[in-house]
Amino acid sequence: MTDQTVTVAIERQVDPRRIGEATRWVQAGVNLANTYPGFLGSGWVRDGATSTTWHMLYRFEDEERLIEWEHSDDRTSWLAQASDFVRESRVQRRTGIEGWFDDPTPTRGIEVVTSPPRWKQAISIWLIFFPANLVVSALLGLLPFWNETHLALRLLVSTVILTPIMTYWGLPFITRLLAPWLHRAR
């Protein structure tokens, strides 16, 4: 299990004759999820006033809490209530490195999770990873035995040092610094 926040994005197709019923059903699901530990919020939006495609998001504080919700009898019962007028067409979970690039800005009260293009993510990671790697490598190189140590062991030690630096300091720093560029409209 991971202790990372998990966001689930779901695209659903709704029977156009039952929009009102679907709206009440979605709100009941939000209310229900809100009673589960670790629930951080949700939102939903339609493509347009007459659209039958609905986009729904919900977020839990970690994978364990999400699994408790997703495997609960409450959720199973709630989903069954809409089985004849709502069809799930796509589900996506977001954790890990992409989570650093999520735009946390709420839009009209609905949290929209978007990521910048992968090439921007790659540049951002490189901009912080290169100097961090350079400093760690230089400092480790000062150890008298370091250059005689097997390459695999040197890489193991340096990645054990760099991973928490990147996770807790480097990526949060660079994504805040580059946020206007990362989230500029495409």
Foldseek 3Di string as FASTA:
>chain_A
DDQAKKKKKWKKFFALVCVVVVVVLVVVVQVVLVVFPQWDHKDKDAPDPRGRIMMIMTMGRDPVSVVCVVPDPVVVVSVVVCVPTMDIDDMDMDTDLQVLQFDQDDDPNGGDGDWFDVVVSVVLLCVQVVVLLVVLVVVQVVDPCSVVDDPVVNVVVSCVVVVCCCVVPRSNVSCVVCVCVGPPDD
